[in-house]
Amino acid sequence: MIAIIDYGAGNLRSVANAIELLGYDTKITSSPDEVLSAEVVFLPGVGAAADVVSSLRAHGLDKALREVIANNTPFFAVCVGLQVLFEETEEGGGCRCLGLLPGKVRRLPVGIKVPHIGWNNVKKAKLHPLFDGIADDSFFYFVHSYYVEPSNQSEVIGVTEYGKTFASAIARGNMVATQFHPEKSGAIGLKMYGNFLKSAIRGNL
């Protein structure tokens, strides 16, 4: 089963539709037990980080996510789903996040239009199966006002320039996460989801 985590918000149906277009079955769920029994887990992201963290905790999904990552279950987080994996965010005056990855979430620099909405290129920082068959500097769709600042730069696999150069794709073991929305990025986004799912099934992320 491919589980898409439902924490009461998020771009759930768009992510499910994209995965189903690739020929896979999905289940949108807020059950920690179903998340833990899934072969692959997705955490979509829309909204404020503090609200997402609060909702995940209220459903017991924060603990399930820790187990998913500890068990090396293939896991893909998107946008705010990426941000809440880090230790803390500046959003909303600052709040603690899940602390699953070392680093902070910062606001995009003053002097540029925020939120960052629209198409922007992603430059590969290192080779990774997520980018198989995807040209360097390909364009993906972004909607965000904050960016992640990882402590471990070796986990950064893609970067984007908008006011500054920031990490737009992260990978650690069987976990990947993107600041952009593959499900809103047309054929190239579907290609990326397909790469992830094929690699997850083969066990070669």
N, C-alpha and C. Protein backbone atom coordinates (compact mmCIF):
# COMPACT_ATOMS: atom_id res chain seq x y z
N MET A 1 0.83 -1.20 0.00
CA MET A 1 0.00 0.00 0.00
C MET A 1 0.88 1.26 0.00
N ILE A 2 0.46 2.26 -0.77
CA ILE A 2 1.08 3.57 -0.74
C ILE A 2 0.19 4.48 0.09
N ALA A 3 0.67 4.89 1.25
CA ALA A 3 -0.11 5.73 2.16
C ALA A 3 0.21 7.20 1.92
N ILE A 4 -0.85 8.01 1.83
CA ILE A 4 -0.72 9.46 1.77
C ILE A 4 -1.28 10.00 3.07
N ILE A 5 -0.42 10.64 3.86
CA ILE A 5 -0.81 11.05 5.20
C ILE A 5 -1.79 12.22 5.16
N ASP A 6 -2.91 12.03 5.84
CA ASP A 6 -3.95 13.05 5.96
C ASP A 6 -3.90 13.63 7.36
N TYR A 7 -3.44 14.87 7.49
CA TYR A 7 -3.40 15.52 8.80
C TYR A 7 -4.43 16.64 8.87
N GLY A 8 -5.44 16.59 8.00
CA GLY A 8 -6.52 17.56 8.03
C GLY A 8 -6.35 18.71 7.06
N ALA A 9 -5.29 18.70 6.31
CA ALA A 9 -5.04 19.72 5.30
C ALA A 9 -4.11 19.12 4.27
N GLY A 10 -3.64 19.95 3.36
CA GLY A 10 -2.66 19.44 2.40
C GLY A 10 -3.26 19.16 1.04
N ASN A 11 -2.36 18.97 0.09
CA ASN A 11 -2.73 18.79 -1.31
C ASN A 11 -2.91 17.30 -1.59
N LEU A 12 -3.77 16.66 -0.80
CA LEU A 12 -3.84 15.21 -0.80
C LEU A 12 -4.31 14.62 -2.12
N ARG A 13 -5.43 15.12 -2.62
CA ARG A 13 -6.02 14.52 -3.82
C ARG A 13 -5.13 14.70 -5.04
N SER A 14 -4.45 15.84 -5.13
CA SER A 14 -3.56 16.06 -6.28
C SER A 14 -2.40 15.07 -6.26
N VAL A 15 -1.85 14.81 -5.06
CA VAL A 15 -0.76 13.84 -4.95
C VAL A 15 -1.28 12.45 -5.29
N ALA A 16 -2.44 12.09 -4.75
CA ALA A 16 -3.02 10.77 -5.05
C ALA A 16 -3.28 10.61 -6.54
N ASN A 17 -3.84 11.65 -7.17
CA ASN A 17 -4.13 11.57 -8.61
C ASN A 17 -2.85 11.36 -9.41
N ALA A 18 -1.79 12.06 -9.05
CA ALA A 18 -0.53 11.92 -9.77
C ALA A 18 0.02 10.50 -9.66
N ILE A 19 -0.02 9.95 -8.46
CA ILE A 19 0.50 8.59 -8.24
C ILE A 19 -0.37 7.56 -8.97
N GLU A 20 -1.68 7.78 -8.93
CA GLU A 20 -2.59 6.84 -9.60
C GLU A 20 -2.45 6.90 -11.11
N LEU A 21 -2.10 8.08 -11.64
CA LEU A 21 -1.83 8.19 -13.08
C LEU A 21 -0.66 7.31 -13.49
N LEU A 22 0.24 7.06 -12.55
CA LEU A 22 1.40 6.21 -12.82
C LEU A 22 1.08 4.73 -12.68
N GLY A 23 -0.16 4.43 -12.28
CA GLY A 23 -0.60 3.03 -12.21
C GLY A 23 -0.53 2.40 -10.84
N TYR A 24 -0.37 3.22 -9.80
CA TYR A 24 -0.27 2.69 -8.44
C TYR A 24 -1.55 3.00 -7.66
N ASP A 25 -1.87 2.13 -6.71
CA ASP A 25 -3.00 2.37 -5.81
C ASP A 25 -2.52 3.16 -4.60
N THR A 26 -3.36 4.06 -4.12
CA THR A 26 -3.01 4.86 -2.95
C THR A 26 -4.13 4.78 -1.91
N LYS A 27 -3.78 5.14 -0.69
CA LYS A 27 -4.78 5.27 0.37
C LYS A 27 -4.46 6.52 1.18
N ILE A 28 -5.41 7.45 1.21
CA ILE A 28 -5.28 8.64 2.05
C ILE A 28 -5.72 8.26 3.45
N THR A 29 -4.86 8.48 4.44
CA THR A 29 -5.14 7.96 5.77
C THR A 29 -4.59 8.86 6.87
N SER A 30 -5.28 8.88 8.00
CA SER A 30 -4.78 9.54 9.21
C SER A 30 -4.52 8.53 10.31
N SER A 31 -4.50 7.25 9.94
CA SER A 31 -4.27 6.18 10.90
C SER A 31 -2.78 5.87 11.03
N PRO A 32 -2.20 6.03 12.21
CA PRO A 32 -0.78 5.68 12.39
C PRO A 32 -0.51 4.21 12.04
N ASP A 33 -1.44 3.32 12.36
CA ASP A 33 -1.24 1.90 12.07
C ASP A 33 -1.15 1.66 10.57
N GLU A 34 -2.01 2.33 9.81
CA GLU A 34 -1.97 2.16 8.35
C GLU A 34 -0.70 2.76 7.76
N VAL A 35 -0.26 3.88 8.32
CA VAL A 35 1.00 4.48 7.86
C VAL A 35 2.16 3.53 8.12
N LEU A 36 2.16 2.92 9.29
CA LEU A 36 3.27 2.03 9.65
C LEU A 36 3.25 0.73 8.85
N SER A 37 2.09 0.32 8.36
CA SER A 37 2.00 -0.91 7.58
C SER A 37 2.21 -0.68 6.09
N ALA A 38 2.31 0.59 5.67
CA ALA A 38 2.45 0.92 4.25
C ALA A 38 3.84 0.57 3.74
N GLU A 39 3.90 0.25 2.44
CA GLU A 39 5.18 -0.02 1.79
C GLU A 39 5.89 1.27 1.41
N VAL A 40 5.09 2.32 1.14
CA VAL A 40 5.61 3.63 0.76
C VAL A 40 4.72 4.68 1.42
N VAL A 41 5.32 5.78 1.88
CA VAL A 41 4.56 6.82 2.58
C VAL A 41 4.86 8.18 1.95
N PHE A 42 3.80 8.96 1.73
CA PHE A 42 3.91 10.33 1.24
C PHE A 42 3.36 11.30 2.29
N LEU A 43 4.05 12.42 2.48
CA LEU A 43 3.57 13.50 3.34
C LEU A 43 3.46 14.77 2.51
N PRO A 44 2.27 15.05 1.95
CA PRO A 44 2.09 16.29 1.20
C PRO A 44 2.10 17.49 2.14
N GLY A 45 2.26 18.67 1.59
CA GLY A 45 2.30 19.83 2.46
C GLY A 45 1.66 21.07 1.88
N VAL A 46 0.68 21.60 2.61
CA VAL A 46 0.09 22.90 2.31
C VAL A 46 -0.30 23.51 3.66
N GLY A 47 -0.02 24.81 3.83
CA GLY A 47 -0.41 25.46 5.07
C GLY A 47 0.78 25.86 5.92
N ALA A 48 0.48 26.25 7.15
CA ALA A 48 1.51 26.73 8.07
C ALA A 48 2.15 25.56 8.81
N ALA A 49 3.45 25.63 9.00
CA ALA A 49 4.19 24.53 9.62
C ALA A 49 3.67 24.22 11.02
N ALA A 50 3.39 25.25 11.82
CA ALA A 50 2.93 25.01 13.19
C ALA A 50 1.63 24.24 13.21
N ASP A 51 0.73 24.57 12.30
CA ASP A 51 -0.55 23.86 12.22
C ASP A 51 -0.35 22.41 11.78
N VAL A 52 0.56 22.20 10.84
CA VAL A 52 0.84 20.85 10.36
C VAL A 52 1.41 20.00 11.50
N VAL A 53 2.40 20.54 12.22
CA VAL A 53 3.01 19.81 13.33
C VAL A 53 1.98 19.49 14.40
N SER A 54 1.16 20.47 14.74
CA SER A 54 0.14 20.27 15.77
C SER A 54 -0.84 19.18 15.37
N SER A 55 -1.26 19.19 14.11
CA SER A 55 -2.21 18.18 13.64
C SER A 55 -1.57 16.79 13.59
N LEU A 56 -0.34 16.70 13.14
CA LEU A 56 0.36 15.42 13.13
C LEU A 56 0.45 14.84 14.54
N ARG A 57 0.79 15.68 15.50
CA ARG A 57 0.90 15.22 16.88
C ARG A 57 -0.45 14.80 17.44
N ALA A 58 -1.49 15.56 17.10
CA ALA A 58 -2.83 15.25 17.60
C ALA A 58 -3.31 13.89 17.13
N HIS A 59 -2.89 13.48 15.93
CA HIS A 59 -3.29 12.20 15.36
C HIS A 59 -2.30 11.07 15.69
N GLY A 60 -1.24 11.39 16.41
CA GLY A 60 -0.21 10.38 16.68
C GLY A 60 0.64 10.06 15.49
N LEU A 61 0.57 10.93 14.46
CA LEU A 61 1.30 10.67 13.22
C LEU A 61 2.77 11.07 13.33
N ASP A 62 3.11 11.93 14.28
CA ASP A 62 4.51 12.29 14.47
C ASP A 62 5.33 11.07 14.89
N LYS A 63 4.76 10.27 15.79
CA LYS A 63 5.45 9.05 16.23
C LYS A 63 5.53 8.04 15.10
N ALA A 64 4.45 7.95 14.32
CA ALA A 64 4.46 7.03 13.18
C ALA A 64 5.54 7.43 12.18
N LEU A 65 5.70 8.73 11.93
CA LEU A 65 6.72 9.20 11.00
C LEU A 65 8.12 8.87 11.50
N ARG A 66 8.33 8.99 12.79
CA ARG A 66 9.64 8.63 13.34
C ARG A 66 9.96 7.16 13.07
N GLU A 67 8.94 6.31 13.22
CA GLU A 67 9.13 4.88 12.98
C GLU A 67 9.34 4.59 11.49
N VAL A 68 8.57 5.28 10.66
CA VAL A 68 8.72 5.11 9.20
C VAL A 68 10.16 5.39 8.80
N ILE A 69 10.71 6.50 9.29
CA ILE A 69 12.07 6.89 8.93
C ILE A 69 13.09 5.97 9.58
N ALA A 70 12.86 5.60 10.84
CA ALA A 70 13.77 4.68 11.53
C ALA A 70 13.80 3.32 10.85
N ASN A 71 12.65 2.90 10.30
CA ASN A 71 12.55 1.60 9.62
C ASN A 71 13.04 1.66 8.17
N ASN A 72 13.42 2.88 7.71
CA ASN A 72 13.89 3.08 6.34
C ASN A 72 12.82 2.75 5.30
N THR A 73 11.56 2.95 5.68
CA THR A 73 10.46 2.80 4.73
C THR A 73 10.55 3.92 3.70
N PRO A 74 10.39 3.64 2.42
CA PRO A 74 10.43 4.71 1.42
C PRO A 74 9.43 5.81 1.75
N PHE A 75 9.91 7.04 1.78
CA PHE A 75 9.12 8.17 2.29
C PHE A 75 9.42 9.40 1.44
N PHE A 76 8.36 10.11 1.03
CA PHE A 76 8.49 11.30 0.19
C PHE A 76 7.66 12.42 0.82
N ALA A 77 8.33 13.53 1.19
CA ALA A 77 7.65 14.69 1.76
C ALA A 77 7.70 15.86 0.78
N VAL A 78 6.65 16.67 0.78
CA VAL A 78 6.51 17.75 -0.20
C VAL A 78 6.24 19.09 0.51
N CYS A 79 6.96 20.12 0.13
CA CYS A 79 6.75 21.51 0.54
C CYS A 79 6.77 21.66 2.06
N VAL A 80 5.65 22.00 2.69
CA VAL A 80 5.63 22.11 4.15
C VAL A 80 5.93 20.75 4.78
N GLY A 81 5.60 19.67 4.08
CA GLY A 81 5.96 18.34 4.54
C GLY A 81 7.46 18.19 4.71
N LEU A 82 8.23 18.81 3.83
CA LEU A 82 9.69 18.87 3.97
C LEU A 82 10.08 19.72 5.18
N GLN A 83 9.49 20.90 5.30
CA GLN A 83 9.90 21.84 6.34
C GLN A 83 9.69 21.29 7.74
N VAL A 84 8.58 20.60 7.98
CA VAL A 84 8.28 20.12 9.34
C VAL A 84 9.22 19.00 9.78
N LEU A 85 9.99 18.43 8.86
CA LEU A 85 10.95 17.39 9.23
C LEU A 85 12.13 17.97 10.00
N PHE A 86 12.36 19.28 9.88
CA PHE A 86 13.52 19.90 10.50
C PHE A 86 13.25 20.28 11.96
N GLU A 87 14.23 20.89 12.58
CA GLU A 87 14.15 21.12 14.03
C GLU A 87 13.23 22.27 14.42
N GLU A 88 13.32 23.36 13.69
CA GLU A 88 12.48 24.50 14.02
C GLU A 88 12.31 25.40 12.81
N THR A 89 11.27 26.26 12.88
CA THR A 89 10.98 27.17 11.78
C THR A 89 10.81 28.58 12.30
N GLU A 90 11.12 29.56 11.46
CA GLU A 90 10.89 30.97 11.79
C GLU A 90 9.44 31.37 11.56
N GLU A 91 8.70 30.53 10.89
CA GLU A 91 7.31 30.87 10.54
C GLU A 91 6.47 31.08 11.80
N GLY A 92 5.58 32.08 11.75
CA GLY A 92 4.68 32.33 12.86
C GLY A 92 5.37 32.77 14.13
N GLY A 93 6.52 33.41 13.99
CA GLY A 93 7.26 33.84 15.17
C GLY A 93 8.17 32.77 15.74
N GLY A 94 8.16 31.59 15.08
CA GLY A 94 9.03 30.51 15.50
C GLY A 94 8.30 29.40 16.21
N CYS A 95 8.60 28.17 15.84
CA CYS A 95 8.05 27.01 16.55
C CYS A 95 8.93 25.79 16.32
N ARG A 96 8.86 24.85 17.23
CA ARG A 96 9.57 23.59 17.09
C ARG A 96 8.85 22.73 16.06
N CYS A 97 9.65 22.05 15.25
CA CYS A 97 9.09 21.09 14.29
C CYS A 97 9.37 19.67 14.78
N LEU A 98 9.45 18.71 13.89
CA LEU A 98 9.57 17.31 14.31
C LEU A 98 11.00 16.90 14.67
N GLY A 99 11.98 17.63 14.17
CA GLY A 99 13.36 17.33 14.53
C GLY A 99 13.89 16.03 13.95
N LEU A 100 13.33 15.61 12.82
CA LEU A 100 13.79 14.37 12.19
C LEU A 100 15.03 14.60 11.32
N LEU A 101 15.26 15.85 10.95
CA LEU A 101 16.46 16.23 10.22
C LEU A 101 17.08 17.44 10.93
N PRO A 102 18.41 17.51 10.99
CA PRO A 102 19.05 18.65 11.63
C PRO A 102 19.03 19.89 10.73
N GLY A 103 18.65 21.01 11.33
CA GLY A 103 18.62 22.25 10.56
C GLY A 103 17.38 23.07 10.87
N LYS A 104 17.30 24.23 10.25
CA LYS A 104 16.21 25.17 10.52
C LYS A 104 15.50 25.57 9.22
N VAL A 105 14.33 26.15 9.42
CA VAL A 105 13.54 26.67 8.30
C VAL A 105 13.53 28.19 8.41
N ARG A 106 13.98 28.86 7.35
CA ARG A 106 14.13 30.31 7.35
C ARG A 106 13.13 30.96 6.38
N ARG A 107 12.83 32.24 6.65
CA ARG A 107 12.00 32.99 5.73
C ARG A 107 12.83 33.42 4.53
N LEU A 108 12.23 33.43 3.36
CA LEU A 108 12.92 33.92 2.17
C LEU A 108 13.34 35.38 2.39
N PRO A 109 14.42 35.83 1.75
CA PRO A 109 14.98 37.15 2.04
C PRO A 109 14.02 38.30 1.76
N VAL A 110 14.19 39.37 2.55
CA VAL A 110 13.47 40.61 2.31
C VAL A 110 13.90 41.18 0.97
N GLY A 111 12.95 41.78 0.26
CA GLY A 111 13.28 42.43 -1.01
C GLY A 111 12.87 41.65 -2.24
N ILE A 112 12.40 40.41 -2.03
CA ILE A 112 11.87 39.64 -3.16
C ILE A 112 10.39 39.36 -2.90
N LYS A 113 9.67 39.07 -3.96
CA LYS A 113 8.23 38.80 -3.82
C LYS A 113 8.02 37.48 -3.07
N VAL A 114 7.23 37.56 -2.00
CA VAL A 114 6.91 36.40 -1.18
C VAL A 114 5.40 36.33 -1.04
N PRO A 115 4.79 35.16 -1.21
CA PRO A 115 5.45 33.87 -1.43
C PRO A 115 6.05 33.73 -2.82
N HIS A 116 6.99 32.82 -2.90
CA HIS A 116 7.58 32.40 -4.16
C HIS A 116 6.58 31.46 -4.83
N ILE A 117 5.92 31.93 -5.86
CA ILE A 117 4.90 31.13 -6.54
C ILE A 117 5.25 31.03 -8.02
N GLY A 118 5.27 29.81 -8.52
CA GLY A 118 5.45 29.61 -9.95
C GLY A 118 6.59 28.65 -10.26
N TRP A 119 6.98 28.66 -11.52
CA TRP A 119 7.98 27.72 -12.01
C TRP A 119 9.39 28.25 -11.78
N ASN A 120 10.26 27.37 -11.32
CA ASN A 120 11.66 27.73 -11.15
C ASN A 120 12.51 26.48 -11.39
N ASN A 121 13.76 26.71 -11.73
CA ASN A 121 14.61 25.57 -12.06
C ASN A 121 15.24 24.95 -10.82
N VAL A 122 15.52 23.68 -10.92
CA VAL A 122 16.19 22.94 -9.86
C VAL A 122 17.51 22.41 -10.43
N LYS A 123 18.59 22.82 -9.80
CA LYS A 123 19.91 22.36 -10.23
C LYS A 123 20.32 21.17 -9.38
N LYS A 124 20.78 20.12 -10.01
CA LYS A 124 21.21 18.94 -9.27
C LYS A 124 22.47 19.24 -8.48
N ALA A 125 22.43 18.94 -7.19
CA ALA A 125 23.60 19.11 -6.35
C ALA A 125 24.44 17.84 -6.31
N LYS A 126 23.81 16.71 -6.60
CA LYS A 126 24.51 15.43 -6.68
C LYS A 126 23.63 14.45 -7.42
N LEU A 127 24.20 13.36 -7.88
CA LEU A 127 23.43 12.34 -8.57
C LEU A 127 22.53 11.61 -7.58
N HIS A 128 21.30 11.35 -8.01
CA HIS A 128 20.35 10.62 -7.17
C HIS A 128 19.28 10.01 -8.10
N PRO A 129 18.77 8.81 -7.78
CA PRO A 129 17.75 8.17 -8.63
C PRO A 129 16.50 9.02 -8.83
N LEU A 130 16.23 9.95 -7.92
CA LEU A 130 15.05 10.82 -8.06
C LEU A 130 15.10 11.61 -9.35
N PHE A 131 16.32 11.93 -9.81
CA PHE A 131 16.49 12.76 -11.00
C PHE A 131 16.80 11.94 -12.27
N ASP A 132 16.67 10.63 -12.22
CA ASP A 132 16.95 9.82 -13.41
C ASP A 132 16.11 10.28 -14.60
N GLY A 133 16.76 10.56 -15.71
CA GLY A 133 16.05 10.96 -16.92
C GLY A 133 15.51 12.37 -16.89
N ILE A 134 15.87 13.14 -15.87
CA ILE A 134 15.42 14.53 -15.73
C ILE A 134 16.64 15.43 -15.92
N ALA A 135 16.54 16.34 -16.87
CA ALA A 135 17.67 17.20 -17.19
C ALA A 135 17.98 18.15 -16.04
N ASP A 136 19.26 18.48 -15.89
CA ASP A 136 19.66 19.48 -14.91
C ASP A 136 19.00 20.81 -15.25
N ASP A 137 18.65 21.56 -14.22
CA ASP A 137 17.99 22.86 -14.36
C ASP A 137 16.56 22.75 -14.91
N SER A 138 15.94 21.59 -14.76
CA SER A 138 14.53 21.45 -15.15
C SER A 138 13.66 22.29 -14.22
N PHE A 139 12.48 22.69 -14.73
CA PHE A 139 11.60 23.58 -14.00
C PHE A 139 10.51 22.80 -13.28
N PHE A 140 10.28 23.18 -12.02
CA PHE A 140 9.24 22.60 -11.18
C PHE A 140 8.42 23.74 -10.57
N TYR A 141 7.26 23.39 -10.02
CA TYR A 141 6.34 24.40 -9.50
C TYR A 141 6.51 24.58 -8.00
N PHE A 142 6.68 25.84 -7.59
CA PHE A 142 6.90 26.19 -6.18
C PHE A 142 5.75 27.06 -5.65
N VAL A 143 5.43 26.89 -4.37
CA VAL A 143 4.55 27.80 -3.63
C VAL A 143 5.04 27.80 -2.18
N HIS A 144 5.82 28.80 -1.78
CA HIS A 144 6.34 28.81 -0.41
C HIS A 144 6.91 30.18 -0.06
N SER A 145 6.98 30.43 1.25
CA SER A 145 7.58 31.66 1.77
C SER A 145 8.81 31.37 2.62
N TYR A 146 9.04 30.09 2.91
CA TYR A 146 10.15 29.67 3.77
C TYR A 146 10.96 28.60 3.05
N TYR A 147 12.21 28.44 3.46
CA TYR A 147 13.09 27.45 2.85
C TYR A 147 13.86 26.73 3.95
N VAL A 148 14.33 25.54 3.65
CA VAL A 148 15.08 24.78 4.66
C VAL A 148 16.57 25.09 4.57
N GLU A 149 17.19 25.11 5.74
CA GLU A 149 18.63 25.32 5.85
C GLU A 149 19.20 24.11 6.59
N PRO A 150 19.51 23.03 5.86
CA PRO A 150 19.97 21.79 6.50
C PRO A 150 21.34 21.96 7.13
N SER A 151 21.54 21.32 8.28
CA SER A 151 22.87 21.30 8.89
C SER A 151 23.81 20.39 8.11
N ASN A 152 23.24 19.34 7.53
CA ASN A 152 24.04 18.37 6.78
C ASN A 152 23.88 18.63 5.29
N GLN A 153 24.81 19.36 4.71
CA GLN A 153 24.71 19.72 3.30
C GLN A 153 24.87 18.52 2.37
N SER A 154 25.43 17.43 2.89
CA SER A 154 25.60 16.24 2.05
C SER A 154 24.27 15.60 1.69
N GLU A 155 23.19 15.98 2.41
CA GLU A 155 21.86 15.44 2.14
C GLU A 155 21.10 16.26 1.10
N VAL A 156 21.68 17.36 0.64
CA VAL A 156 21.06 18.21 -0.37
C VAL A 156 21.33 17.64 -1.76
N ILE A 157 20.27 17.32 -2.50
CA ILE A 157 20.46 16.77 -3.85
C ILE A 157 19.99 17.72 -4.95
N GLY A 158 19.31 18.82 -4.56
CA GLY A 158 18.86 19.80 -5.54
C GLY A 158 18.80 21.18 -4.91
N VAL A 159 19.16 22.21 -5.68
CA VAL A 159 19.12 23.59 -5.18
C VAL A 159 18.41 24.48 -6.19
N THR A 160 17.87 25.59 -5.66
CA THR A 160 17.13 26.55 -6.48
C THR A 160 17.53 27.96 -6.06
N GLU A 161 17.51 28.88 -7.02
CA GLU A 161 17.84 30.27 -6.76
C GLU A 161 16.56 31.11 -6.76
N TYR A 162 16.28 31.76 -5.63
CA TYR A 162 15.20 32.74 -5.56
C TYR A 162 15.52 33.68 -4.39
N GLY A 163 16.19 34.78 -4.72
CA GLY A 163 16.66 35.68 -3.68
C GLY A 163 17.93 35.18 -3.02
N LYS A 164 18.10 33.88 -2.98
CA LYS A 164 19.29 33.20 -2.48
C LYS A 164 19.25 31.78 -3.02
N THR A 165 20.34 31.07 -2.91
CA THR A 165 20.35 29.66 -3.29
C THR A 165 19.93 28.84 -2.08
N PHE A 166 18.89 28.04 -2.25
CA PHE A 166 18.40 27.24 -1.12
C PHE A 166 18.22 25.79 -1.54
N ALA A 167 18.20 24.91 -0.55
CA ALA A 167 18.00 23.48 -0.80
C ALA A 167 16.55 23.24 -1.21
N SER A 168 16.36 22.68 -2.40
CA SER A 168 14.99 22.40 -2.86
C SER A 168 14.70 20.91 -2.97
N ALA A 169 15.71 20.07 -2.74
CA ALA A 169 15.50 18.61 -2.70
C ALA A 169 16.52 18.01 -1.75
N ILE A 170 16.02 17.10 -0.90
CA ILE A 170 16.82 16.48 0.16
C ILE A 170 16.68 14.97 0.06
N ALA A 171 17.72 14.23 0.40
CA ALA A 171 17.63 12.78 0.45
C ALA A 171 18.49 12.24 1.58
N ARG A 172 17.94 11.26 2.28
CA ARG A 172 18.70 10.52 3.28
C ARG A 172 18.15 9.10 3.30
N GLY A 173 18.96 8.13 2.92
CA GLY A 173 18.48 6.75 2.87
C GLY A 173 17.28 6.64 1.95
N ASN A 174 16.18 6.07 2.46
CA ASN A 174 14.96 5.92 1.67
C ASN A 174 14.02 7.10 1.80
N MET A 175 14.48 8.17 2.40
CA MET A 175 13.68 9.38 2.54
C MET A 175 14.11 10.42 1.53
N VAL A 176 13.14 10.98 0.81
CA VAL A 176 13.41 12.13 -0.06
C VAL A 176 12.35 13.19 0.24
N ALA A 177 12.68 14.44 -0.04
CA ALA A 177 11.74 15.52 0.20
C ALA A 177 12.06 16.68 -0.73
N THR A 178 11.02 17.36 -1.19
CA THR A 178 11.20 18.48 -2.11
C THR A 178 10.45 19.69 -1.63
N GLN A 179 11.03 20.88 -1.86
CA GLN A 179 10.32 22.12 -1.56
C GLN A 179 9.26 22.39 -2.62
N PHE A 180 9.51 21.97 -3.83
CA PHE A 180 8.55 22.15 -4.93
C PHE A 180 7.51 21.04 -4.91
N HIS A 181 6.49 21.22 -5.73
CA HIS A 181 5.37 20.28 -5.81
C HIS A 181 5.47 19.46 -7.11
N PRO A 182 5.97 18.23 -7.06
CA PRO A 182 5.99 17.41 -8.27
C PRO A 182 4.59 17.21 -8.86
N GLU A 183 3.58 17.07 -7.99
CA GLU A 183 2.21 16.81 -8.46
C GLU A 183 1.62 17.98 -9.23
N LYS A 184 2.25 19.18 -9.12
CA LYS A 184 1.79 20.36 -9.85
C LYS A 184 2.75 20.72 -10.98
N SER A 185 3.71 19.84 -11.25
CA SER A 185 4.79 20.15 -12.18
C SER A 185 4.69 19.42 -13.51
N GLY A 186 3.48 18.98 -13.87
CA GLY A 186 3.27 18.37 -15.17
C GLY A 186 4.04 17.07 -15.35
N ALA A 187 4.44 16.81 -16.60
CA ALA A 187 5.06 15.54 -16.96
C ALA A 187 6.37 15.31 -16.20
N ILE A 188 7.12 16.38 -15.96
CA ILE A 188 8.41 16.21 -15.28
C ILE A 188 8.21 15.82 -13.82
N GLY A 189 7.14 16.35 -13.22
CA GLY A 189 6.82 15.97 -11.85
C GLY A 189 6.38 14.52 -11.76
N LEU A 190 5.58 14.09 -12.73
CA LEU A 190 5.18 12.68 -12.77
C LEU A 190 6.40 11.78 -12.95
N LYS A 191 7.33 12.23 -13.77
CA LYS A 191 8.57 11.47 -13.97
C LYS A 191 9.31 11.30 -12.65
N MET A 192 9.35 12.36 -11.86
CA MET A 192 10.05 12.29 -10.57
C MET A 192 9.34 11.33 -9.62
N TYR A 193 8.02 11.41 -9.52
CA TYR A 193 7.29 10.47 -8.67
C TYR A 193 7.49 9.05 -9.16
N GLY A 194 7.51 8.87 -10.47
CA GLY A 194 7.74 7.54 -11.04
C GLY A 194 9.12 7.02 -10.69
N ASN A 195 10.12 7.89 -10.77
CA ASN A 195 11.49 7.49 -10.40
C ASN A 195 11.53 7.03 -8.94
N PHE A 196 10.89 7.82 -8.08
CA PHE A 196 10.89 7.47 -6.65
C PHE A 196 10.22 6.14 -6.41
N LEU A 197 9.06 5.92 -6.99
CA LEU A 197 8.32 4.69 -6.73
C LEU A 197 9.03 3.47 -7.31
N LYS A 198 9.59 3.60 -8.49
CA LYS A 198 10.35 2.47 -9.06
C LYS A 198 11.56 2.14 -8.20
N SER A 199 12.28 3.17 -7.77
CA SER A 199 13.45 2.94 -6.92
C SER A 199 13.05 2.37 -5.57
N ALA A 200 11.92 2.85 -5.03
CA ALA A 200 11.45 2.35 -3.74
C ALA A 200 11.11 0.87 -3.81
N ILE A 201 10.44 0.49 -4.89
CA ILE A 201 10.01 -0.90 -5.06
C ILE A 201 11.25 -1.80 -5.27
N ARG A 202 12.22 -1.30 -6.00
CA ARG A 202 13.44 -2.09 -6.26
C ARG A 202 14.41 -2.07 -5.08
N GLY A 203 14.18 -1.14 -4.16
CA GLY A 203 15.06 -1.04 -3.00
C GLY A 203 16.39 -0.41 -3.30
N ASN A 204 16.43 0.52 -4.28
CA ASN A 204 17.73 1.13 -4.64
C ASN A 204 17.68 2.65 -4.59
N LEU A 205 16.94 3.20 -3.63
CA LEU A 205 16.96 4.65 -3.46
C LEU A 205 18.34 5.11 -2.97
